[in-house]
N, C-alpha and C. Protein backbone atom coordinates (compact mmCIF):
# COMPACT_ATOMS: atom_id res chain seq x y z
N ASN A 1 -126.72 79.92 -132.98
CA ASN A 1 -127.69 79.84 -134.05
C ASN A 1 -129.06 79.42 -133.51
N GLY A 2 -129.13 78.39 -132.73
CA GLY A 2 -130.39 77.96 -132.15
C GLY A 2 -131.31 77.31 -133.16
N VAL A 3 -132.45 76.81 -132.67
CA VAL A 3 -133.40 76.10 -133.52
C VAL A 3 -134.04 77.04 -134.53
N ILE A 4 -134.35 78.26 -134.11
CA ILE A 4 -134.94 79.22 -135.04
C ILE A 4 -133.96 79.56 -136.15
N GLY A 5 -132.69 79.73 -135.80
CA GLY A 5 -131.67 80.02 -136.81
C GLY A 5 -131.51 78.89 -137.80
N VAL A 6 -131.54 77.65 -137.31
CA VAL A 6 -131.44 76.48 -138.19
C VAL A 6 -132.63 76.44 -139.15
N ALA A 7 -133.82 76.66 -138.61
CA ALA A 7 -135.03 76.63 -139.45
C ALA A 7 -134.97 77.73 -140.51
N LEU A 8 -134.54 78.93 -140.11
CA LEU A 8 -134.45 80.04 -141.06
C LEU A 8 -133.42 79.75 -142.14
N ASN A 9 -132.27 79.21 -141.76
CA ASN A 9 -131.24 78.86 -142.75
C ASN A 9 -131.75 77.82 -143.73
N GLN A 10 -132.48 76.82 -143.24
CA GLN A 10 -133.01 75.79 -144.13
C GLN A 10 -134.07 76.37 -145.06
N TRP A 11 -134.89 77.26 -144.54
CA TRP A 11 -135.92 77.88 -145.36
C TRP A 11 -135.29 78.72 -146.46
N ILE A 12 -134.30 79.53 -146.11
CA ILE A 12 -133.62 80.38 -147.09
C ILE A 12 -132.92 79.52 -148.14
N ALA A 13 -132.29 78.43 -147.71
CA ALA A 13 -131.58 77.55 -148.64
C ALA A 13 -132.54 76.85 -149.60
N ALA A 14 -133.81 76.74 -149.23
CA ALA A 14 -134.80 76.04 -150.05
C ALA A 14 -135.43 76.94 -151.11
N ILE A 15 -135.17 78.25 -151.07
CA ILE A 15 -135.76 79.16 -152.05
C ILE A 15 -135.14 78.89 -153.42
N GLN A 16 -136.01 78.58 -154.35
CA GLN A 16 -135.57 78.28 -155.71
C GLN A 16 -135.61 79.54 -156.57
N LYS A 17 -136.73 80.27 -156.51
CA LYS A 17 -136.86 81.52 -157.25
C LYS A 17 -138.00 82.34 -156.68
N MET A 18 -138.00 83.63 -157.04
CA MET A 18 -139.08 84.53 -156.63
C MET A 18 -139.59 85.26 -157.86
N GLU A 19 -140.90 85.27 -158.00
CA GLU A 19 -141.55 85.98 -159.11
C GLU A 19 -142.70 86.79 -158.53
N ASP A 20 -142.72 88.07 -158.84
CA ASP A 20 -143.73 88.97 -158.31
C ASP A 20 -143.81 88.81 -156.79
N HIS A 21 -144.94 88.31 -156.31
CA HIS A 21 -145.12 88.11 -154.87
C HIS A 21 -145.11 86.63 -154.50
N ASP A 22 -144.61 85.80 -155.40
CA ASP A 22 -144.56 84.35 -155.15
C ASP A 22 -143.14 83.90 -154.87
N ILE A 23 -143.02 83.00 -153.93
CA ILE A 23 -141.72 82.39 -153.61
C ILE A 23 -141.84 80.90 -153.89
N TYR A 24 -140.95 80.37 -154.69
CA TYR A 24 -140.94 78.96 -155.03
C TYR A 24 -139.85 78.27 -154.23
N LEU A 25 -140.26 77.24 -153.49
CA LEU A 25 -139.34 76.50 -152.63
C LEU A 25 -139.12 75.11 -153.18
N GLN A 26 -137.94 74.57 -152.93
CA GLN A 26 -137.65 73.17 -153.23
C GLN A 26 -137.61 72.42 -151.91
N ALA A 27 -137.75 71.13 -151.96
CA ALA A 27 -137.68 70.34 -150.73
C ALA A 27 -136.32 70.54 -150.08
N PRO A 28 -136.28 70.64 -148.76
CA PRO A 28 -134.99 70.82 -148.08
C PRO A 28 -134.05 69.67 -148.40
N LYS A 29 -132.78 70.01 -148.51
CA LYS A 29 -131.78 68.98 -148.78
C LYS A 29 -131.54 68.18 -147.51
N LYS A 30 -131.61 66.88 -147.66
CA LYS A 30 -131.38 66.00 -146.52
C LYS A 30 -129.89 65.76 -146.37
N ILE A 31 -129.38 65.99 -145.18
CA ILE A 31 -127.97 65.77 -144.91
C ILE A 31 -127.84 64.46 -144.15
N GLU A 32 -127.15 63.52 -144.76
CA GLU A 32 -126.97 62.22 -144.13
C GLU A 32 -125.52 62.03 -143.71
N PHE A 33 -125.35 61.58 -142.49
CA PHE A 33 -124.01 61.30 -142.00
C PHE A 33 -123.49 60.04 -142.68
N PRO A 34 -122.24 60.07 -143.17
CA PRO A 34 -121.65 58.83 -143.67
C PRO A 34 -121.36 57.90 -142.49
N ASP A 35 -120.99 56.68 -142.78
CA ASP A 35 -120.67 55.72 -141.73
C ASP A 35 -119.44 56.22 -140.97
N LEU A 36 -119.66 56.66 -139.77
CA LEU A 36 -118.59 57.27 -138.99
C LEU A 36 -118.17 56.38 -137.83
N VAL A 37 -117.65 55.22 -138.17
CA VAL A 37 -117.19 54.28 -137.17
C VAL A 37 -115.75 54.57 -136.78
N LYS A 38 -114.95 54.96 -137.76
CA LYS A 38 -113.52 55.17 -137.51
C LYS A 38 -113.27 56.43 -136.70
N THR A 39 -112.45 56.30 -135.69
CA THR A 39 -112.09 57.43 -134.83
C THR A 39 -111.40 58.52 -135.63
N GLU A 40 -110.61 58.14 -136.64
CA GLU A 40 -109.88 59.12 -137.44
C GLU A 40 -110.84 60.07 -138.17
N LEU A 41 -111.93 59.51 -138.70
CA LEU A 41 -112.90 60.32 -139.41
C LEU A 41 -113.64 61.25 -138.44
N LYS A 42 -113.96 60.74 -137.28
CA LYS A 42 -114.58 61.58 -136.25
C LYS A 42 -113.64 62.73 -135.88
N ASN A 43 -112.36 62.42 -135.77
CA ASN A 43 -111.38 63.45 -135.43
C ASN A 43 -111.25 64.48 -136.55
N LEU A 44 -111.33 64.04 -137.80
CA LEU A 44 -111.27 64.96 -138.94
C LEU A 44 -112.42 65.95 -138.87
N ILE A 45 -113.61 65.47 -138.60
CA ILE A 45 -114.78 66.36 -138.47
C ILE A 45 -114.58 67.32 -137.30
N TYR A 46 -114.04 66.81 -136.21
CA TYR A 46 -113.75 67.65 -135.05
C TYR A 46 -112.76 68.76 -135.41
N GLN A 47 -111.71 68.42 -136.15
CA GLN A 47 -110.72 69.42 -136.56
C GLN A 47 -111.37 70.51 -137.42
N LEU A 48 -112.21 70.10 -138.35
CA LEU A 48 -112.91 71.07 -139.19
C LEU A 48 -113.85 71.93 -138.36
N PHE A 49 -114.45 71.34 -137.35
CA PHE A 49 -115.37 72.08 -136.49
C PHE A 49 -114.64 73.13 -135.66
N ILE A 50 -113.52 72.75 -135.03
CA ILE A 50 -112.85 73.69 -134.14
C ILE A 50 -112.02 74.73 -134.89
N HIS A 51 -111.54 74.39 -136.09
CA HIS A 51 -110.73 75.33 -136.86
C HIS A 51 -111.56 76.15 -137.86
N TYR A 52 -112.84 75.85 -137.98
CA TYR A 52 -113.77 76.51 -138.90
C TYR A 52 -113.52 76.15 -140.35
N ASN A 53 -112.27 76.20 -140.81
CA ASN A 53 -111.97 75.72 -142.16
C ASN A 53 -110.48 75.38 -142.25
N LEU A 54 -110.20 74.35 -143.04
CA LEU A 54 -108.83 73.89 -143.24
C LEU A 54 -108.65 73.47 -144.69
N THR A 55 -107.50 73.77 -145.26
CA THR A 55 -107.18 73.32 -146.61
C THR A 55 -106.63 71.89 -146.54
N LYS A 56 -106.50 71.27 -147.71
CA LYS A 56 -105.91 69.93 -147.75
C LYS A 56 -104.48 69.95 -147.23
N SER A 57 -103.73 70.99 -147.59
CA SER A 57 -102.34 71.05 -147.12
C SER A 57 -102.27 71.22 -145.60
N GLU A 58 -103.19 71.99 -145.04
CA GLU A 58 -103.22 72.13 -143.58
C GLU A 58 -103.59 70.81 -142.90
N LEU A 59 -104.52 70.09 -143.50
CA LEU A 59 -104.89 68.78 -142.96
C LEU A 59 -103.74 67.78 -143.10
N THR A 60 -103.00 67.88 -144.19
CA THR A 60 -101.84 67.00 -144.38
C THR A 60 -100.77 67.29 -143.33
N ARG A 61 -100.60 68.56 -142.99
CA ARG A 61 -99.65 68.90 -141.91
C ARG A 61 -100.12 68.34 -140.57
N LEU A 62 -101.43 68.36 -140.34
CA LEU A 62 -101.98 67.82 -139.09
C LEU A 62 -101.83 66.30 -138.99
N TYR A 63 -102.16 65.61 -140.09
CA TYR A 63 -102.22 64.15 -140.07
C TYR A 63 -100.99 63.47 -140.66
N GLY A 64 -100.13 64.21 -141.34
CA GLY A 64 -98.94 63.63 -141.93
C GLY A 64 -99.11 63.32 -143.40
N LYS A 65 -98.00 63.42 -144.15
CA LYS A 65 -98.03 63.19 -145.60
C LYS A 65 -98.46 61.77 -145.96
N GLU A 66 -98.14 60.83 -145.07
CA GLU A 66 -98.51 59.44 -145.34
C GLU A 66 -100.03 59.23 -145.36
N ASN A 67 -100.79 60.19 -144.85
CA ASN A 67 -102.25 60.08 -144.80
C ASN A 67 -102.95 60.94 -145.86
N ALA A 68 -102.21 61.45 -146.84
CA ALA A 68 -102.78 62.35 -147.85
C ALA A 68 -103.93 61.69 -148.62
N LYS A 69 -103.77 60.43 -149.01
CA LYS A 69 -104.82 59.75 -149.77
C LYS A 69 -106.05 59.51 -148.91
N TRP A 70 -105.84 59.17 -147.64
CA TRP A 70 -106.95 58.98 -146.70
C TRP A 70 -107.71 60.30 -146.52
N ILE A 71 -106.96 61.40 -146.39
CA ILE A 71 -107.58 62.73 -146.24
C ILE A 71 -108.45 63.03 -147.46
N GLU A 72 -107.91 62.79 -148.64
CA GLU A 72 -108.65 63.03 -149.89
C GLU A 72 -109.94 62.23 -149.94
N ARG A 73 -109.86 60.93 -149.65
CA ARG A 73 -111.05 60.07 -149.66
C ARG A 73 -112.07 60.52 -148.62
N SER A 74 -111.59 60.87 -147.44
CA SER A 74 -112.49 61.29 -146.36
C SER A 74 -113.19 62.59 -146.70
N LEU A 75 -112.45 63.55 -147.24
CA LEU A 75 -113.06 64.82 -147.63
C LEU A 75 -114.11 64.62 -148.72
N ASN A 76 -113.81 63.76 -149.69
CA ASN A 76 -114.77 63.47 -150.75
C ASN A 76 -116.03 62.85 -150.19
N SER A 77 -115.88 61.93 -149.25
CA SER A 77 -117.02 61.27 -148.63
C SER A 77 -117.88 62.26 -147.84
N LEU A 78 -117.23 63.11 -147.07
CA LEU A 78 -117.96 64.10 -146.26
C LEU A 78 -118.63 65.15 -147.14
N GLU A 79 -117.97 65.52 -148.23
CA GLU A 79 -118.57 66.48 -149.16
C GLU A 79 -119.77 65.88 -149.87
N SER A 80 -119.65 64.63 -150.30
CA SER A 80 -120.77 63.95 -150.96
C SER A 80 -121.97 63.82 -150.05
N ALA A 81 -121.71 63.64 -148.76
CA ALA A 81 -122.79 63.52 -147.78
C ALA A 81 -123.41 64.87 -147.43
N GLY A 82 -122.78 65.95 -147.88
CA GLY A 82 -123.30 67.28 -147.58
C GLY A 82 -122.89 67.83 -146.23
N LEU A 83 -121.95 67.17 -145.57
CA LEU A 83 -121.51 67.63 -144.25
C LEU A 83 -120.50 68.76 -144.33
N ILE A 84 -119.72 68.79 -145.40
CA ILE A 84 -118.72 69.85 -145.55
C ILE A 84 -118.85 70.50 -146.92
N LYS A 85 -118.23 71.67 -147.05
CA LYS A 85 -118.22 72.38 -148.32
C LYS A 85 -116.85 73.01 -148.50
N ILE A 86 -116.56 73.44 -149.72
CA ILE A 86 -115.28 74.08 -150.03
C ILE A 86 -115.54 75.58 -150.23
N ASN A 87 -114.69 76.40 -149.62
CA ASN A 87 -114.86 77.85 -149.79
C ASN A 87 -113.96 78.38 -150.90
N GLU A 88 -113.92 79.70 -151.03
CA GLU A 88 -113.18 80.33 -152.13
C GLU A 88 -111.67 80.15 -152.05
N ARG A 89 -111.12 79.81 -150.89
CA ARG A 89 -109.67 79.58 -150.79
C ARG A 89 -109.33 78.09 -150.77
N ASP A 90 -110.27 77.28 -151.25
CA ASP A 90 -110.12 75.82 -151.31
C ASP A 90 -109.95 75.20 -149.93
N ALA A 91 -110.59 75.81 -148.95
CA ALA A 91 -110.57 75.26 -147.60
C ALA A 91 -111.91 74.58 -147.33
N TYR A 92 -111.86 73.54 -146.55
CA TYR A 92 -113.06 72.77 -146.21
C TYR A 92 -113.62 73.25 -144.89
N SER A 93 -114.95 73.32 -144.81
CA SER A 93 -115.61 73.71 -143.57
C SER A 93 -116.91 72.93 -143.42
N ILE A 94 -117.42 72.91 -142.21
CA ILE A 94 -118.69 72.23 -141.95
C ILE A 94 -119.80 73.03 -142.63
N ASN A 95 -120.67 72.37 -143.34
CA ASN A 95 -121.83 72.98 -143.97
C ASN A 95 -122.66 73.68 -142.89
N SER A 96 -123.03 74.94 -143.11
CA SER A 96 -123.75 75.70 -142.08
C SER A 96 -125.08 75.06 -141.70
N LEU A 97 -125.73 74.38 -142.64
CA LEU A 97 -126.98 73.70 -142.31
C LEU A 97 -126.74 72.47 -141.43
N ALA A 98 -125.59 71.85 -141.58
CA ALA A 98 -125.27 70.65 -140.81
C ALA A 98 -124.61 70.97 -139.47
N LYS A 99 -124.06 72.17 -139.33
CA LYS A 99 -123.25 72.52 -138.17
C LYS A 99 -123.93 72.27 -136.82
N PRO A 100 -125.20 72.65 -136.63
CA PRO A 100 -125.81 72.38 -135.33
C PRO A 100 -125.90 70.88 -135.02
N TYR A 101 -126.15 70.08 -136.05
CA TYR A 101 -126.24 68.64 -135.87
C TYR A 101 -124.88 68.04 -135.57
N VAL A 102 -123.86 68.55 -136.27
CA VAL A 102 -122.49 68.09 -136.03
C VAL A 102 -122.06 68.46 -134.62
N GLU A 103 -122.42 69.66 -134.19
CA GLU A 103 -122.07 70.10 -132.84
C GLU A 103 -122.71 69.19 -131.78
N ASN A 104 -123.98 68.86 -131.95
CA ASN A 104 -124.64 67.93 -131.01
C ASN A 104 -123.98 66.56 -131.02
N TRP A 105 -123.65 66.08 -132.21
CA TRP A 105 -123.02 64.77 -132.37
C TRP A 105 -121.65 64.74 -131.69
N LEU A 106 -120.86 65.79 -131.91
CA LEU A 106 -119.53 65.87 -131.26
C LEU A 106 -119.67 65.95 -129.75
N SER A 107 -120.69 66.63 -129.28
CA SER A 107 -120.94 66.71 -127.84
C SER A 107 -121.31 65.34 -127.27
N GLU A 108 -122.16 64.61 -127.98
CA GLU A 108 -122.55 63.26 -127.55
C GLU A 108 -121.35 62.32 -127.51
N LEU A 109 -120.41 62.51 -128.44
CA LEU A 109 -119.20 61.68 -128.48
C LEU A 109 -118.17 62.09 -127.42
N GLY A 110 -118.36 63.26 -126.82
CA GLY A 110 -117.43 63.74 -125.81
C GLY A 110 -116.26 64.55 -126.36
N PHE A 111 -116.33 64.91 -127.66
CA PHE A 111 -115.27 65.73 -128.25
C PHE A 111 -115.34 67.17 -127.74
N ILE A 112 -116.56 67.67 -127.51
CA ILE A 112 -116.76 69.03 -127.00
C ILE A 112 -117.76 68.99 -125.86
N LYS A 113 -117.78 70.06 -125.09
CA LYS A 113 -118.75 70.14 -123.98
C LYS A 113 -119.68 71.29 -124.19
């Protein structure tokens, strides 16, 4: 995607409406990382990054049924922060606007190279 791709995606996402030859933009949405101290939450983001999208049931298979409530809370937190979104098959994925930042963050943490 690169820096130009990120800028273009943010610009397109900011378009509110078009009338005649005018384009109305809204302020870009700020994506804030939630408090990511826990290794488990970092790993959850990593799983979503490498698998592109995962459903709750797929995440439950990865982390175990005993972690279903934790998965639910974590997904809600990440969705509220704008880091992830839900697609048409109820699978969670990294928000395309946040993806380059998440990729850099995972690289800094040593999850990816």
